[in-house]
Protein backbone atom coordinates (compact mmCIF):
# COMPACT_ATOMS: atom_id res chain seq x y z
CA MET A 1 72.02 95.79 98.20
CA PHE A 2 75.34 96.95 96.74
CA VAL A 3 76.11 98.50 93.35
CA ILE A 4 79.78 98.34 92.37
CA GLY A 5 81.23 100.24 89.42
CA GLY A 6 79.27 100.65 86.24
CA TRP A 7 78.96 103.07 83.35
CA ASN A 8 77.66 106.64 83.59
CA GLY A 9 77.31 107.21 79.85
CA HIS A 10 80.84 108.59 79.46
CA ASP A 11 83.20 106.72 81.79
CA THR A 12 83.50 103.53 83.77
CA MET A 13 83.10 103.88 87.52
CA ASP A 14 84.83 102.38 90.57
CA ASP A 15 82.48 103.57 93.29
CA ILE A 16 80.33 101.49 95.65
CA TYR A 17 76.81 102.33 96.71
CA GLN A 18 74.67 100.56 99.27
CA TYR A 19 70.88 100.68 99.25
CA SER A 20 69.04 100.39 102.55
CA PHE A 21 65.62 98.78 102.07
CA PRO A 22 64.31 99.88 105.50
CA SER A 23 65.18 103.57 104.98
CA LYS A 24 64.83 103.51 101.16
CA LEU A 25 68.05 105.53 100.90
CA TRP A 26 71.27 105.14 98.91
CA PHE A 27 74.66 105.62 100.58
CA GLU A 28 78.02 105.97 98.86
CA ILE A 29 80.65 103.91 100.64
CA ARG A 30 83.91 105.79 101.10
CA ARG A 31 87.15 105.32 103.01
CA LEU A 32 87.86 101.97 101.47
CA LYS A 33 90.90 99.89 102.39
CA GLY A 34 93.10 97.65 100.28
CA VAL A 35 93.74 97.51 96.55
CA ARG A 36 90.69 98.62 94.58
CA PRO A 37 89.88 97.12 91.20
CA LYS A 38 90.18 99.41 88.20
CA PRO A 39 86.94 101.13 87.11
CA ARG A 40 84.74 98.75 85.11
CA TYR A 41 81.33 97.68 83.99
CA ARG A 42 79.87 94.42 82.59
CA HIS A 43 81.56 92.50 85.40
CA SER A 44 80.13 89.56 87.33
CA ALA A 45 79.48 89.71 91.05
CA VAL A 46 78.48 87.16 93.67
CA VAL A 47 78.08 87.31 97.43
CA MET A 48 79.26 84.65 99.85
CA LYS A 49 78.54 85.35 103.51
CA LYS A 50 79.81 88.93 104.08
CA THR A 51 82.12 89.11 101.06
CA ILE A 52 81.37 90.31 97.53
CA PHE A 53 83.45 88.87 94.70
CA ILE A 54 83.73 90.58 91.33
CA PHE A 55 85.25 89.11 88.18
CA GLY A 56 86.14 90.58 84.83
CA GLY A 57 84.39 93.42 83.08
CA VAL A 58 85.58 96.08 80.66
CA ASP A 59 86.78 99.67 80.90
CA THR A 60 86.09 102.78 78.82
CA SER A 61 88.52 101.70 76.08
CA GLN A 62 86.90 98.23 76.01
CA GLN A 63 89.92 96.59 77.67
CA ARG A 64 88.70 93.28 79.05
CA PHE A 65 89.65 92.27 82.57
CA ASN A 66 90.26 88.69 83.72
CA ASP A 67 90.86 89.58 87.34
CA LEU A 68 89.13 88.58 90.56
CA PHE A 69 88.65 90.80 93.62
CA SER A 70 86.99 90.38 96.99
CA TYR A 71 85.29 93.11 98.98
CA GLU A 72 84.80 92.51 102.70
CA VAL A 73 81.60 94.36 103.59
CA GLU A 74 82.25 94.74 107.33
CA ASN A 75 85.88 95.91 106.91
CA ARG A 76 85.29 97.89 103.69
CA LYS A 77 88.39 96.22 102.29
CA TRP A 78 89.24 95.28 98.70
CA SER A 79 91.71 92.48 97.95
CA PRO A 80 92.91 91.08 94.63
CA ILE A 81 92.74 87.29 94.43
CA ASP A 82 95.46 85.39 92.60
CA THR A 83 94.04 82.55 90.52
CA THR A 84 95.55 79.61 88.69
CA GLY A 85 94.40 77.48 85.81
CA VAL A 86 92.48 78.47 82.71
CA VAL A 87 90.73 81.83 83.13
CA PRO A 88 87.14 81.88 81.78
């Protein structure tokens, strides 16, 4: 299981943690590649195969994001995704 970003009570976060069910331990994922999304919380996330997609969210100043990013789990790589059409 992965936890991406969030709110610590004072600031929005941009970190990634992975939980291992067999070991019952949390691991912070570091040494990420690519263009990371800005810190955020209240975003949506889905998983397709070995890629996590996050959309939207807000930051500490309540700026709303309408951006889409992918995170490749095996490569630890973030990528922004350009979209067209009406943004939800």
